[in-house]
Each structure stands twice: as C-alpha cells, then as structure tokens.
Amino acid sequence: MEPALCQLYRDTFVPYVDCCVRRMQMIKMLSAIVLLFAICWSATLLDNVLVGFGIVDRFHHGYLR
C-alpha cells in the first residue's frame, strides 16, 4: 500500500491490518460479482459468438429455437 494512503488511514485511526482485510474483502466481492455475471450471461454471449462466426444460423431451426 502507498505510504500516503497508509498515513491517511493512520490519521483516521483505522489500523493497517484492517485496511488490508477490507481490501481483500472488496476483491473477493468484486470477483464474485464478475463470476456471477459471467455465469448468468454465458449462454447469450456464447450464442452471439457462434452466430457471429457463422457456426449457427441467426434464426435457429429445429430444437435450437
């Protein structure tokens, strides 16, 4: 962590360890949000890629409708 940022946290009485714990919690939460986004939208994104490369038709026929 940058010295100026640590000084800022020291001035507000937040210990350095708490700062690192909060940073790790924030990284985990952001990772979880990105992972959930990828899981929820992966079918649509994959369909768009397959249509874009011409592997499947734009208007699916048969069981792919």
C-alpha atoms as a PDB file:
ATOM      1  CA  MET A   1       0.000   0.000   0.000  1.00  0.00           C
ATOM      2  CA  GLU A   2       1.218   3.502  -0.738  1.00  0.00           C
ATOM      3  CA  PRO A   3       2.708   5.411   2.209  1.00  0.00           C
ATOM      4  CA  ALA A   4       0.358   8.367   1.745  1.00  0.00           C
ATOM      5  CA  LEU A   5      -2.672   6.095   1.853  1.00  0.00           C
ATOM      6  CA  CYS A   6      -1.382   4.357   4.981  1.00  0.00           C
ATOM      7  CA  GLN A   7      -0.834   7.770   6.560  1.00  0.00           C
ATOM      8  CA  LEU A   8      -4.407   8.701   5.701  1.00  0.00           C
ATOM      9  CA  TYR A   9      -5.691   5.567   7.397  1.00  0.00           C
ATOM     10  CA  ARG A  10      -3.415   6.136  10.388  1.00  0.00           C
ATOM     11  CA  ASP A  11      -4.874   9.628  10.795  1.00  0.00           C
ATOM     12  CA  THR A  12      -8.414   8.253  10.890  1.00  0.00           C
ATOM     13  CA  PHE A  13      -7.456   5.593  13.476  1.00  0.00           C
ATOM     14  CA  VAL A  14      -8.013   2.632  11.138  1.00  0.00           C
ATOM     15  CA  PRO A  15      -5.239   0.078  11.646  1.00  0.00           C
ATOM     16  CA  TYR A  16      -3.196  -1.036   8.632  1.00  0.00           C
ATOM     17  CA  VAL A  17      -4.246  -4.667   9.116  1.00  0.00           C
ATOM     18  CA  ASP A  18      -7.914  -3.685   8.956  1.00  0.00           C
ATOM     19  CA  CYS A  19      -7.169  -1.833   5.722  1.00  0.00           C
ATOM     20  CA  CYS A  20      -5.699  -4.990   4.152  1.00  0.00           C
ATOM     21  CA  VAL A  21      -8.614  -7.111   5.358  1.00  0.00           C
ATOM     22  CA  ARG A  22     -11.087  -4.665   3.848  1.00  0.00           C
ATOM     23  CA  ARG A  23      -9.164  -4.625   0.569  1.00  0.00           C
ATOM     24  CA  MET A  24      -9.225  -8.454   0.385  1.00  0.00           C
ATOM     25  CA  GLN A  25     -12.959  -8.489   1.164  1.00  0.00           C
ATOM     26  CA  MET A  26     -13.557  -5.957  -1.606  1.00  0.00           C
ATOM     27  CA  ILE A  27     -11.517  -8.017  -4.096  1.00  0.00           C
ATOM     28  CA  LYS A  28     -13.442 -11.176  -3.180  1.00  0.00           C
ATOM     29  CA  MET A  29     -16.791  -9.405  -3.547  1.00  0.00           C
ATOM     30  CA  LEU A  30     -15.835  -7.946  -6.925  1.00  0.00           C
ATOM     31  CA  SER A  31     -14.616 -11.362  -8.101  1.00  0.00           C
ATOM     32  CA  ALA A  32     -17.902 -12.935  -7.030  1.00  0.00           C
ATOM     33  CA  ILE A  33     -19.904 -10.306  -8.924  1.00  0.00           C
ATOM     34  CA  VAL A  34     -17.837 -10.794 -12.091  1.00  0.00           C
ATOM     35  CA  LEU A  35     -18.148 -14.587 -11.816  1.00  0.00           C
ATOM     36  CA  LEU A  36     -21.937 -14.406 -11.359  1.00  0.00           C
ATOM     37  CA  PHE A  37     -22.207 -12.068 -14.345  1.00  0.00           C
ATOM     38  CA  ALA A  38     -20.208 -14.497 -16.492  1.00  0.00           C
ATOM     39  CA  ILE A  39     -22.325 -17.471 -15.380  1.00  0.00           C
ATOM     40  CA  CYS A  40     -25.647 -15.696 -15.941  1.00  0.00           C
ATOM     41  CA  TRP A  41     -24.806 -14.252 -19.367  1.00  0.00           C
ATOM     42  CA  SER A  42     -22.564 -17.021 -20.730  1.00  0.00           C
ATOM     43  CA  ALA A  43     -25.353 -18.668 -22.771  1.00  0.00           C
ATOM     44  CA  THR A  44     -26.261 -15.417 -24.511  1.00  0.00           C
ATOM     45  CA  LEU A  45     -22.634 -14.449 -25.071  1.00  0.00           C
ATOM     46  CA  LEU A  46     -21.805 -17.886 -26.474  1.00  0.00           C
ATOM     47  CA  ASP A  47     -24.812 -17.728 -28.812  1.00  0.00           C
ATOM     48  CA  ASN A  48     -23.720 -14.299 -30.069  1.00  0.00           C
ATOM     49  CA  VAL A  49     -20.189 -15.564 -30.731  1.00  0.00           C
ATOM     50  CA  LEU A  50     -21.451 -18.657 -32.574  1.00  0.00           C
ATOM     51  CA  VAL A  51     -23.791 -16.560 -34.714  1.00  0.00           C
ATOM     52  CA  GLY A  52     -21.015 -14.027 -35.335  1.00  0.00           C
ATOM     53  CA  PHE A  53     -18.663 -16.700 -36.677  1.00  0.00           C
ATOM     54  CA  GLY A  54     -21.441 -18.270 -38.742  1.00  0.00           C
ATOM     55  CA  ILE A  55     -21.402 -21.581 -36.880  1.00  0.00           C
ATOM     56  CA  VAL A  56     -25.145 -21.409 -36.219  1.00  0.00           C
ATOM     57  CA  ASP A  57     -27.853 -19.514 -38.114  1.00  0.00           C
ATOM     58  CA  ARG A  58     -29.169 -16.242 -36.793  1.00  0.00           C
ATOM     59  CA  PHE A  59     -32.672 -17.709 -36.608  1.00  0.00           C
ATOM     60  CA  HIS A  60     -32.223 -21.155 -35.139  1.00  0.00           C
ATOM     61  CA  HIS A  61     -34.239 -24.038 -36.579  1.00  0.00           C
ATOM     62  CA  GLY A  62     -35.482 -27.246 -35.008  1.00  0.00           C
ATOM     63  CA  TYR A  63     -34.599 -27.987 -31.412  1.00  0.00           C
ATOM     64  CA  LEU A  64     -32.318 -24.909 -31.152  1.00  0.00           C
ATOM     65  CA  ARG A  65     -35.223 -22.438 -31.377  1.00  0.00           C
END
